[in-house]
Amino acid sequence: MENPLDSHGDTLYTHRMRTVIRIWGNSLAIRTPKAFAVHMGIDSGKEVELSLERGGLHITPPARQLDRLLDEVTADNLHGETSTSGSLGREVW
């Protein structure tokens, strides 16, 4: 059986799902089907970005910011320079 969340290029083949918007405190909440959440790599408490695109609501995992990436650098995962080959053409090293 074909997985409805298999992707092909930029197109994600999936079935549409209807859900009901509910009130959560002073905000509105949308339930996300588990299969969608697993595919996006999101879970309860995880941050997402919302945007309006082409008249619809678009939900994506947040773009990783340079500061956040640099916070993840430690002495254990820091590496030195890597050489992939010698000089080619008229390059001077």
Protein backbone atom coordinates (compact mmCIF):
# COMPACT_ATOMS: atom_id res chain seq x y z
CA MET A 1 0.00 0.00 0.00
CA GLU A 2 1.35 3.44 -0.94
CA ASN A 3 2.07 5.87 1.89
CA PRO A 4 -0.17 8.95 1.40
CA LEU A 5 2.64 11.11 2.77
CA ASP A 6 5.27 9.99 0.26
CA SER A 7 6.72 13.02 -1.50
CA HIS A 8 7.68 13.41 -5.12
CA GLY A 9 9.77 16.50 -5.84
CA ASP A 10 8.14 19.55 -4.27
CA THR A 11 4.68 17.95 -4.26
CA LEU A 12 3.43 16.09 -1.23
CA TYR A 13 0.72 13.61 -2.12
CA THR A 14 -1.81 13.51 0.67
CA HIS A 15 -5.50 13.39 1.33
CA ARG A 16 -7.21 16.47 2.67
CA MET A 17 -8.59 16.35 6.15
CA ARG A 18 -11.30 18.48 7.69
CA THR A 19 -10.87 19.63 11.24
CA VAL A 20 -12.70 22.01 13.55
CA ILE A 21 -11.10 25.15 14.93
CA ARG A 22 -11.48 25.37 18.71
CA ILE A 23 -10.91 28.07 21.29
CA TRP A 24 -7.80 27.63 23.44
CA GLY A 25 -7.53 30.45 25.96
CA ASN A 26 -7.76 33.69 23.97
CA SER A 27 -6.54 32.01 20.78
CA LEU A 28 -7.86 29.59 18.21
CA ALA A 29 -6.38 26.11 17.91
CA ILE A 30 -6.21 23.60 15.06
CA ARG A 31 -5.69 19.88 15.65
CA THR A 32 -3.02 18.37 13.46
CA PRO A 33 -3.32 14.71 12.40
CA LYS A 34 -0.52 12.55 13.81
CA ALA A 35 0.66 11.47 10.34
CA PHE A 36 1.07 15.12 9.31
CA ALA A 37 2.96 15.97 12.53
CA VAL A 38 5.28 12.97 12.16
CA HIS A 39 6.03 13.89 8.55
CA MET A 40 6.83 17.51 9.55
CA GLY A 41 8.90 16.41 12.57
CA ILE A 42 6.77 18.37 15.03
CA ASP A 43 5.41 17.38 18.43
CA SER A 44 3.54 18.95 21.31
CA GLY A 45 5.39 21.99 22.63
CA LYS A 46 7.56 22.38 19.53
CA GLU A 47 7.69 25.79 17.86
CA VAL A 48 6.37 26.27 14.30
CA GLU A 49 6.13 29.27 11.98
CA LEU A 50 2.78 30.40 10.56
CA SER A 51 2.35 32.44 7.39
CA LEU A 52 -0.47 33.31 5.02
CA GLU A 53 0.29 32.22 1.48
CA ARG A 54 -2.08 32.21 -1.49
CA GLY A 55 -5.06 32.74 0.77
CA GLY A 56 -4.18 29.80 3.02
CA LEU A 57 -2.44 29.18 6.31
CA HIS A 58 1.03 27.66 5.90
CA ILE A 59 2.69 25.88 8.85
CA THR A 60 6.42 25.10 8.76
CA PRO A 61 9.15 24.18 11.22
CA PRO A 62 11.07 27.36 12.10
CA ALA A 63 14.10 28.31 10.07
CA ARG A 64 17.24 27.69 12.06
CA GLN A 65 18.88 30.96 13.00
CA LEU A 66 22.65 31.40 13.02
CA ASP A 67 22.72 32.12 16.76
CA ARG A 68 20.84 28.90 17.49
CA LEU A 69 23.18 26.93 15.26
CA LEU A 70 26.27 28.42 16.89
CA ASP A 71 24.85 27.58 20.34
CA GLU A 72 25.01 23.93 19.28
CA VAL A 73 28.78 24.06 18.58
CA THR A 74 30.76 22.35 21.32
CA ALA A 75 34.36 21.19 21.74
CA ASP A 76 33.10 17.66 20.96
CA ASN A 77 31.56 18.52 17.57
CA LEU A 78 34.03 21.21 16.45
CA HIS A 79 36.42 20.04 13.75
CA GLY A 80 39.48 21.44 12.04
CA GLU A 81 40.03 22.26 8.39
CA THR A 82 39.32 19.64 5.76
CA SER A 83 41.21 19.43 2.48
CA THR A 84 39.33 17.83 -0.39
CA SER A 85 42.13 17.94 -2.98
CA GLY A 86 45.31 19.68 -4.06
CA SER A 87 45.48 22.83 -6.17
CA LEU A 88 43.78 22.72 -9.54
CA GLY A 89 44.48 25.03 -12.46
CA ARG A 90 46.15 28.34 -11.51
CA GLU A 91 45.06 28.34 -7.86
CA VAL A 92 47.66 29.55 -5.39
CA TRP A 93 47.64 28.24 -1.81
